[in-house]
Amino acid sequence: MAAIAQLQARLEVEAGEKLGTPRTDRGGEFTAQAFATHCADHGVQRHFTAPYMPQQNGVVERHNQTMLGMARSMMMGMNVPDCLCGEAVSTAVFILNRSLTRSVEGRMPYEVWYGSKLAVHFLRTFGCVAHVKVAGGHH
């Protein structure tokens, strides 16, 4: 519960807006009394999808499938070990947040959230060979 409250506080400061109405599944973290109390204390109205009906949260489900598909493609395309799955998912999310989307026509989610475009010149192929320079030359 503390992690959700911290995330909410950080996002509200960044956006300059209060959390409106989250739509969640009926996972334990969202049905716990502590979360209900937190929402009530902060004037947050909650909407729940029907149990075992992920189709009701279609946008999120499609985003999840897109993200996982990208991560799988990156891993298979570069033949990297399964232990890099977390990095592949993080990279997919990073790329999606910096990609054009119809939901904010002609802009990137990052640009909408932060108010400026982000340079992407530093992006490299996932799984490419990289070398680390050790400062001072000592190991």
C-alpha atoms as a PDB file:
ATOM      1  CA  MET A   1       0.000   0.000   0.000  1.00  0.00           C
ATOM      2  CA  ALA A   2       2.830   2.392   0.822  1.00  0.00           C
ATOM      3  CA  ALA A   3       4.264   1.990  -2.692  1.00  0.00           C
ATOM      4  CA  ILE A   4       0.932   2.938  -4.293  1.00  0.00           C
ATOM      5  CA  ALA A   5       0.583   5.985  -2.035  1.00  0.00           C
ATOM      6  CA  GLN A   6       4.156   7.088  -2.834  1.00  0.00           C
ATOM      7  CA  LEU A   7       3.583   6.640  -6.566  1.00  0.00           C
ATOM      8  CA  GLN A   8       0.337   8.603  -6.384  1.00  0.00           C
ATOM      9  CA  ALA A   9       2.030  11.453  -4.499  1.00  0.00           C
ATOM     10  CA  ARG A  10       4.948  11.613  -6.962  1.00  0.00           C
ATOM     11  CA  LEU A  11       2.697  11.558 -10.029  1.00  0.00           C
ATOM     12  CA  GLU A  12       0.368  14.200  -8.628  1.00  0.00           C
ATOM     13  CA  VAL A  13       3.322  16.516  -8.000  1.00  0.00           C
ATOM     14  CA  GLU A  14       4.732  15.911 -11.488  1.00  0.00           C
ATOM     15  CA  ALA A  15       1.370  16.366 -13.233  1.00  0.00           C
ATOM     16  CA  GLY A  16       0.091  19.176 -11.033  1.00  0.00           C
ATOM     17  CA  GLU A  17      -3.229  17.299 -10.957  1.00  0.00           C
ATOM     18  CA  LYS A  18      -5.000  15.073  -8.442  1.00  0.00           C
ATOM     19  CA  LEU A  19      -5.649  11.407  -9.162  1.00  0.00           C
ATOM     20  CA  GLY A  20      -9.141  11.031 -10.561  1.00  0.00           C
ATOM     21  CA  THR A  21     -10.714   7.619 -10.940  1.00  0.00           C
ATOM     22  CA  PRO A  22      -8.456   4.603 -11.338  1.00  0.00           C
ATOM     23  CA  ARG A  23      -9.980   1.543 -13.019  1.00  0.00           C
ATOM     24  CA  THR A  24      -8.452  -1.614 -11.605  1.00  0.00           C
ATOM     25  CA  ASP A  25      -9.007  -5.324 -11.529  1.00  0.00           C
ATOM     26  CA  ARG A  26      -9.985  -6.916  -8.263  1.00  0.00           C
ATOM     27  CA  GLY A  27      -6.442  -7.852  -7.325  1.00  0.00           C
ATOM     28  CA  GLY A  28      -5.814  -8.014  -3.603  1.00  0.00           C
ATOM     29  CA  GLU A  29      -3.700  -4.860  -3.603  1.00  0.00           C
ATOM     30  CA  PHE A  30      -6.683  -2.884  -4.917  1.00  0.00           C
ATOM     31  CA  THR A  31      -9.400  -4.433  -2.738  1.00  0.00           C
ATOM     32  CA  ALA A  32      -7.503  -4.259   0.563  1.00  0.00           C
ATOM     33  CA  GLN A  33      -9.066  -2.119   3.281  1.00  0.00           C
ATOM     34  CA  ALA A  34      -5.891  -0.013   3.498  1.00  0.00           C
ATOM     35  CA  PHE A  35      -6.263   0.986  -0.177  1.00  0.00           C
ATOM     36  CA  ALA A  36      -9.973   1.723   0.249  1.00  0.00           C
ATOM     37  CA  THR A  37      -9.198   3.930   3.244  1.00  0.00           C
ATOM     38  CA  HIS A  38      -6.406   5.708   1.363  1.00  0.00           C
ATOM     39  CA  CYS A  39      -8.713   6.442  -1.582  1.00  0.00           C
ATOM     40  CA  ALA A  40     -11.504   7.672   0.697  1.00  0.00           C
ATOM     41  CA  ASP A  41      -9.084   9.923   2.605  1.00  0.00           C
ATOM     42  CA  HIS A  42      -7.825  11.468  -0.652  1.00  0.00           C
ATOM     43  CA  GLY A  43     -11.187  11.808  -2.447  1.00  0.00           C
ATOM     44  CA  VAL A  44     -10.352   9.171  -5.052  1.00  0.00           C
ATOM     45  CA  GLN A  45     -13.298   7.308  -6.564  1.00  0.00           C
ATOM     46  CA  ARG A  46     -12.515   3.743  -7.632  1.00  0.00           C
ATOM     47  CA  HIS A  47     -13.912   1.674 -10.503  1.00  0.00           C
ATOM     48  CA  PHE A  48     -13.437  -2.090 -10.599  1.00  0.00           C
ATOM     49  CA  THR A  49     -13.657  -4.355 -13.604  1.00  0.00           C
ATOM     50  CA  ALA A  50     -15.713  -7.528 -13.272  1.00  0.00           C
ATOM     51  CA  PRO A  51     -13.790 -10.471 -11.782  1.00  0.00           C
ATOM     52  CA  TYR A  52     -11.922 -12.629 -14.328  1.00  0.00           C
ATOM     53  CA  MET A  53     -12.872 -10.262 -17.172  1.00  0.00           C
ATOM     54  CA  PRO A  54      -9.636  -8.607 -18.364  1.00  0.00           C
ATOM     55  CA  GLN A  55     -11.474  -7.646 -21.555  1.00  0.00           C
ATOM     56  CA  GLN A  56     -13.165  -4.851 -19.582  1.00  0.00           C
ATOM     57  CA  ASN A  57      -9.794  -3.203 -19.160  1.00  0.00           C
ATOM     58  CA  GLY A  58      -9.109  -3.498 -22.882  1.00  0.00           C
ATOM     59  CA  VAL A  59      -6.756  -0.538 -23.336  1.00  0.00           C
ATOM     60  CA  VAL A  60      -4.437  -1.720 -20.586  1.00  0.00           C
ATOM     61  CA  GLU A  61      -4.592  -5.315 -21.820  1.00  0.00           C
ATOM     62  CA  ARG A  62      -3.633  -4.202 -25.355  1.00  0.00           C
ATOM     63  CA  HIS A  63      -0.766  -2.102 -24.010  1.00  0.00           C
ATOM     64  CA  ASN A  64       0.447  -5.049 -21.948  1.00  0.00           C
ATOM     65  CA  GLN A  65       0.352  -7.329 -24.996  1.00  0.00           C
ATOM     66  CA  THR A  66       2.214  -4.757 -27.106  1.00  0.00           C
ATOM     67  CA  MET A  67       4.871  -4.334 -24.423  1.00  0.00           C
ATOM     68  CA  LEU A  68       5.341  -8.073 -23.913  1.00  0.00           C
ATOM     69  CA  GLY A  69       5.422  -8.688 -27.661  1.00  0.00           C
ATOM     70  CA  MET A  70       8.137  -6.063 -28.076  1.00  0.00           C
ATOM     71  CA  ALA A  71      10.175  -7.550 -25.235  1.00  0.00           C
ATOM     72  CA  ARG A  72       9.881 -11.080 -26.661  1.00  0.00           C
ATOM     73  CA  SER A  73      10.850  -9.859 -30.130  1.00  0.00           C
ATOM     74  CA  MET A  74      13.910  -8.034 -28.824  1.00  0.00           C
ATOM     75  CA  MET A  75      15.046 -11.047 -26.835  1.00  0.00           C
ATOM     76  CA  MET A  76      14.493 -13.525 -29.663  1.00  0.00           C
ATOM     77  CA  GLY A  77      15.966 -11.213 -32.310  1.00  0.00           C
ATOM     78  CA  MET A  78      19.208 -10.825 -30.405  1.00  0.00           C
ATOM     79  CA  ASN A  79      19.220 -14.304 -28.855  1.00  0.00           C
ATOM     80  CA  VAL A  80      19.803 -12.982 -25.342  1.00  0.00           C
ATOM     81  CA  PRO A  81      19.364 -15.143 -22.230  1.00  0.00           C
ATOM     82  CA  ASP A  82      16.065 -15.233 -20.327  1.00  0.00           C
ATOM     83  CA  CYS A  83      17.695 -13.484 -17.365  1.00  0.00           C
ATOM     84  CA  LEU A  84      17.463 -10.242 -19.394  1.00  0.00           C
ATOM     85  CA  CYS A  85      13.655 -10.391 -19.565  1.00  0.00           C
ATOM     86  CA  GLY A  86      13.257  -7.543 -17.048  1.00  0.00           C
ATOM     87  CA  GLU A  87      15.607  -5.343 -19.048  1.00  0.00           C
ATOM     88  CA  ALA A  88      13.725  -6.158 -22.262  1.00  0.00           C
ATOM     89  CA  VAL A  89      10.391  -5.191 -20.677  1.00  0.00           C
ATOM     90  CA  SER A  90      11.886  -1.968 -19.271  1.00  0.00           C
ATOM     91  CA  THR A  91      13.313  -1.135 -22.698  1.00  0.00           C
ATOM     92  CA  ALA A  92       9.960  -1.810 -24.376  1.00  0.00           C
ATOM     93  CA  VAL A  93       8.167   0.523 -21.946  1.00  0.00           C
ATOM     94  CA  PHE A  94      10.869   3.170 -22.434  1.00  0.00           C
ATOM     95  CA  ILE A  95      10.411   2.988 -26.215  1.00  0.00           C
ATOM     96  CA  LEU A  96       6.597   2.975 -26.067  1.00  0.00           C
ATOM     97  CA  ASN A  97       6.601   6.085 -23.861  1.00  0.00           C
ATOM     98  CA  ARG A  98       8.691   7.806 -26.525  1.00  0.00           C
ATOM     99  CA  SER A  99       6.632   6.649 -29.513  1.00  0.00           C
ATOM    100  CA  LEU A 100       3.760   8.434 -31.220  1.00  0.00           C
ATOM    101  CA  THR A 101       0.311   7.286 -30.172  1.00  0.00           C
ATOM    102  CA  ARG A 102      -3.225   8.009 -31.372  1.00  0.00           C
ATOM    103  CA  SER A 103      -4.385   8.719 -27.812  1.00  0.00           C
ATOM    104  CA  VAL A 104      -2.398  11.995 -27.833  1.00  0.00           C
ATOM    105  CA  GLU A 105      -2.404  12.584 -31.578  1.00  0.00           C
ATOM    106  CA  GLY A 106       0.966  13.514 -33.030  1.00  0.00           C
ATOM    107  CA  ARG A 107       2.769  13.527 -29.690  1.00  0.00           C
ATOM    108  CA  MET A 108       4.598  11.092 -27.460  1.00  0.00           C
ATOM    109  CA  PRO A 109       3.324  10.202 -23.967  1.00  0.00           C
ATOM    110  CA  TYR A 110       6.642  11.461 -22.560  1.00  0.00           C
ATOM    111  CA  GLU A 111       6.141  14.804 -24.330  1.00  0.00           C
ATOM    112  CA  VAL A 112       2.591  15.160 -22.993  1.00  0.00           C
ATOM    113  CA  TRP A 113       3.621  14.311 -19.424  1.00  0.00           C
ATOM    114  CA  TYR A 114       6.790  16.421 -19.207  1.00  0.00           C
ATOM    115  CA  GLY A 115       5.940  19.155 -21.718  1.00  0.00           C
ATOM    116  CA  SER A 116       9.033  18.678 -23.878  1.00  0.00           C
ATOM    117  CA  LYS A 117      10.397  16.245 -26.417  1.00  0.00           C
ATOM    118  CA  LEU A 118      13.162  13.925 -25.377  1.00  0.00           C
ATOM    119  CA  ALA A 119      16.168  13.195 -27.533  1.00  0.00           C
ATOM    120  CA  VAL A 120      16.419   9.550 -28.568  1.00  0.00           C
ATOM    121  CA  HIS A 121      19.788   9.723 -30.321  1.00  0.00           C
ATOM    122  CA  PHE A 122      21.338   7.614 -27.561  1.00  0.00           C
ATOM    123  CA  LEU A 123      19.184   4.543 -28.253  1.00  0.00           C
ATOM    124  CA  ARG A 124      21.051   1.411 -29.291  1.00  0.00           C
ATOM    125  CA  THR A 125      19.981  -2.006 -30.529  1.00  0.00           C
ATOM    126  CA  PHE A 126      18.812  -4.150 -27.618  1.00  0.00           C
ATOM    127  CA  GLY A 127      21.371  -6.842 -26.870  1.00  0.00           C
ATOM    128  CA  CYS A 128      24.232  -5.178 -28.739  1.00  0.00           C
ATOM    129  CA  VAL A 129      27.778  -5.655 -27.502  1.00  0.00           C
ATOM    130  CA  ALA A 130      28.843  -3.004 -24.997  1.00  0.00           C
ATOM    131  CA  HIS A 131      32.135  -2.396 -23.249  1.00  0.00           C
ATOM    132  CA  VAL A 132      32.635  -0.904 -19.822  1.00  0.00           C
ATOM    133  CA  LYS A 133      35.620   1.332 -19.152  1.00  0.00           C
ATOM    134  CA  VAL A 134      36.885   0.875 -15.618  1.00  0.00           C
ATOM    135  CA  ALA A 135      37.972   4.196 -14.115  1.00  0.00           C
ATOM    136  CA  GLY A 136      41.679   4.291 -13.268  1.00  0.00           C
ATOM    137  CA  GLY A 137      42.389   1.137 -15.238  1.00  0.00           C
ATOM    138  CA  HIS A 138      42.504  -1.046 -12.097  1.00  0.00           C
ATOM    139  CA  HIS A 139      40.253  -4.054 -11.610  1.00  0.00           C
END
